[in-house]
Amino acid sequence: MLTTGESAQPVRGGLARPTDQAIRLADVVSEPISAAALASLVNDTAAGATVTFSGDVRDHDHGRVVERLEYEAHPSAAQVLAEVATDVASRYDLIALAVVHRVGPLAIGDCALAAAVSAAHRGEAFAACTALVDEVKARIPVWKHQYFDDGTDEWVNCA
């Protein structure tokens, strides 16, 4: 499970932070992830709001029963994710953000995309987290291979 590493130190103090300090984590990984672990990375005493997102594997898609899925990423996926994080951090008054996309085989209920954003106020935190998730899903070169209970499967472009 992705946890807060020793290198992840909370930022203390005022709200003006360089973008690179606001980004606590942006990565593509193969191990299990959680929004709760990312929330701990963006925790800060200056934060009045922390918003998290957990994009979980559901058991259906377009009326079909999904048994499992696998995500595959282009080698540039981690760099694209970092660029998205930088873009979002530069547009919002954030304290911190963290975002991770998982690749490899995932079971129903597993988290595929986790994000966490902290800000002084809830409006900014909600807006930034929404933008972060929407832009990751639009830009990251990750493909989903869904396996259905009827024995069929399909590839879906981007997560």
Protein backbone atom coordinates (compact mmCIF):
# COMPACT_ATOMS: atom_id res chain seq x y z
CA MET A 1 0.00 0.00 0.00
CA LEU A 2 1.36 3.43 -0.87
CA THR A 3 2.24 5.19 2.35
CA THR A 4 3.86 8.42 3.32
CA GLY A 5 7.58 7.96 2.83
CA GLU A 6 10.25 9.51 4.97
CA SER A 7 10.92 12.04 2.24
CA ALA A 8 7.38 13.43 2.42
CA GLN A 9 7.59 16.22 4.98
CA PRO A 10 4.60 18.53 5.53
CA VAL A 11 5.11 22.14 4.55
CA ARG A 12 4.54 24.57 7.42
CA GLY A 13 3.74 28.24 7.43
CA GLY A 14 2.07 30.73 5.11
CA LEU A 15 0.12 30.19 1.94
CA ALA A 16 2.62 31.48 -0.64
CA ARG A 17 4.48 28.40 -1.86
CA PRO A 18 6.39 27.72 -5.03
CA THR A 19 4.60 25.24 -7.29
CA ASP A 20 7.29 22.58 -6.90
CA GLN A 21 6.89 22.61 -3.12
CA ALA A 22 3.12 22.26 -3.45
CA ILE A 23 3.48 18.98 -5.34
CA ARG A 24 4.12 16.31 -2.76
CA LEU A 25 3.75 13.35 -5.13
CA ALA A 26 2.88 12.75 -8.80
CA ASP A 27 3.61 9.24 -10.00
CA VAL A 28 2.49 6.13 -11.84
CA VAL A 29 2.92 2.98 -9.74
CA SER A 30 2.08 -0.72 -9.80
CA GLU A 31 1.41 -1.19 -6.08
CA PRO A 32 -1.95 -0.55 -4.38
CA ILE A 33 -2.75 3.12 -3.70
CA SER A 34 -5.21 5.01 -1.51
CA ALA A 35 -6.61 8.50 -1.24
CA ALA A 36 -6.10 8.34 2.54
CA ALA A 37 -2.35 7.87 2.10
CA LEU A 38 -2.25 10.87 -0.23
CA ALA A 39 -4.29 12.95 2.22
CA SER A 40 -1.58 12.43 4.80
CA LEU A 41 0.99 13.75 2.30
CA VAL A 42 -0.88 17.04 1.82
CA ASN A 43 -1.73 17.51 5.49
CA ASP A 44 -0.76 20.95 6.78
CA THR A 45 -1.72 23.12 9.76
CA ALA A 46 -2.50 26.00 7.36
CA ALA A 47 -5.08 23.92 5.50
CA GLY A 48 -8.71 24.65 6.13
CA ALA A 49 -9.70 21.96 3.63
CA THR A 50 -8.35 18.72 2.28
CA VAL A 51 -10.22 17.16 -0.61
CA THR A 52 -9.52 13.63 -1.79
CA PHE A 53 -10.58 11.56 -4.76
CA SER A 54 -10.49 7.78 -5.06
CA GLY A 55 -11.21 6.48 -8.55
CA ASP A 56 -12.11 2.87 -7.88
CA VAL A 57 -12.67 -0.10 -10.20
CA ARG A 58 -16.41 -0.68 -10.47
CA ASP A 59 -18.16 -3.94 -11.32
CA HIS A 60 -19.99 -2.63 -14.40
CA ASP A 61 -19.53 -0.50 -17.49
CA HIS A 62 -22.26 0.48 -19.96
CA GLY A 63 -24.61 -2.23 -18.70
CA ARG A 64 -21.97 -4.98 -18.76
CA VAL A 65 -20.53 -6.83 -15.78
CA VAL A 66 -16.81 -6.15 -15.34
CA GLU A 67 -14.78 -8.94 -13.70
CA ARG A 68 -11.40 -7.18 -13.59
CA LEU A 69 -9.20 -4.84 -15.53
CA GLU A 70 -5.62 -3.98 -16.30
CA TYR A 71 -4.06 -0.59 -16.90
CA GLU A 72 -1.08 -0.10 -19.20
CA ALA A 73 0.88 3.13 -19.40
CA HIS A 74 3.08 4.70 -22.03
CA PRO A 75 6.63 5.32 -20.73
CA SER A 76 5.85 9.06 -20.63
CA ALA A 77 2.85 8.64 -18.30
CA ALA A 78 4.67 9.65 -15.10
CA GLN A 79 6.06 12.77 -16.78
CA VAL A 80 2.62 13.71 -18.11
CA LEU A 81 1.16 13.23 -14.63
CA ALA A 82 3.85 15.52 -13.19
CA GLU A 83 3.07 18.14 -15.86
CA VAL A 84 -0.64 18.00 -15.03
CA ALA A 85 0.16 18.40 -11.32
CA THR A 86 2.38 21.40 -12.08
CA ASP A 87 -0.30 22.99 -14.28
CA VAL A 88 -3.01 22.59 -11.63
CA ALA A 89 -0.75 23.78 -8.81
CA SER A 90 0.10 26.91 -10.79
CA ARG A 91 -3.57 27.80 -11.36
CA TYR A 92 -4.92 27.40 -7.82
CA ASP A 93 -3.97 28.80 -4.41
CA LEU A 94 -3.02 25.45 -2.93
CA ILE A 95 -0.99 24.35 0.01
CA ALA A 96 -0.24 20.93 -1.47
CA LEU A 97 -1.36 18.27 -3.90
CA ALA A 98 -0.59 14.62 -4.53
CA VAL A 99 -1.77 12.38 -7.35
CA VAL A 100 -1.02 8.76 -8.28
CA HIS A 101 -2.26 6.46 -11.04
CA ARG A 102 -1.94 2.73 -10.69
CA VAL A 103 -1.05 0.36 -13.53
CA GLY A 104 -1.15 -3.42 -13.84
CA PRO A 105 -3.96 -5.81 -12.88
CA LEU A 106 -6.67 -4.39 -10.61
CA ALA A 107 -9.62 -6.12 -8.96
CA ILE A 108 -13.09 -4.73 -8.42
CA GLY A 109 -12.88 -2.13 -5.63
CA ASP A 110 -9.17 -1.35 -6.11
CA CYS A 111 -8.18 2.30 -6.41
CA ALA A 112 -6.88 3.18 -9.89
CA LEU A 113 -6.47 6.94 -9.45
CA ALA A 114 -5.98 8.74 -6.15
CA ALA A 115 -5.67 12.48 -5.62
CA ALA A 116 -5.51 14.80 -2.62
CA VAL A 117 -5.43 18.58 -2.46
CA SER A 118 -5.14 20.90 0.53
CA ALA A 119 -5.89 24.61 0.55
CA ALA A 120 -6.81 27.30 3.02
CA HIS A 121 -10.45 27.25 1.84
CA ARG A 122 -12.78 24.50 0.66
CA GLY A 123 -13.79 26.15 -2.62
CA GLU A 124 -10.23 26.26 -3.86
CA ALA A 125 -9.54 22.71 -2.68
CA PHE A 126 -12.65 21.29 -4.39
CA ALA A 127 -11.98 23.21 -7.62
CA ALA A 128 -8.34 22.16 -7.75
CA CYS A 129 -9.09 18.50 -7.04
CA THR A 130 -11.77 18.45 -9.74
CA ALA A 131 -9.40 20.06 -12.25
CA LEU A 132 -6.61 17.67 -11.27
CA VAL A 133 -8.73 14.55 -11.80
CA ASP A 134 -10.32 15.84 -15.02
CA GLU A 135 -6.97 16.81 -16.53
CA VAL A 136 -5.29 13.55 -15.53
CA LYS A 137 -8.08 11.57 -17.18
CA ALA A 138 -7.88 13.74 -20.31
CA ARG A 139 -4.10 13.82 -20.71
CA ILE A 140 -2.38 10.78 -19.18
CA PRO A 141 -1.37 8.10 -21.70
CA VAL A 142 -2.87 5.16 -19.82
CA TRP A 143 -5.13 2.53 -21.35
CA LYS A 144 -7.67 0.36 -19.59
CA HIS A 145 -8.24 -3.26 -20.63
CA GLN A 146 -11.61 -4.40 -19.28
CA TYR A 147 -12.58 -8.05 -18.92
CA PHE A 148 -16.31 -8.86 -18.84
CA ASP A 149 -18.20 -11.79 -17.31
CA ASP A 150 -19.34 -12.97 -20.77
CA GLY A 151 -15.73 -13.71 -21.77
CA THR A 152 -15.29 -10.60 -23.92
CA ASP A 153 -12.91 -7.73 -23.31
CA GLU A 154 -12.24 -4.22 -24.58
CA TRP A 155 -9.58 -1.53 -24.49
CA VAL A 156 -10.52 1.99 -23.44
CA ASN A 157 -8.28 4.92 -24.38
CA CYS A 158 -7.02 6.81 -21.33
CA ALA A 159 -8.06 6.25 -17.79
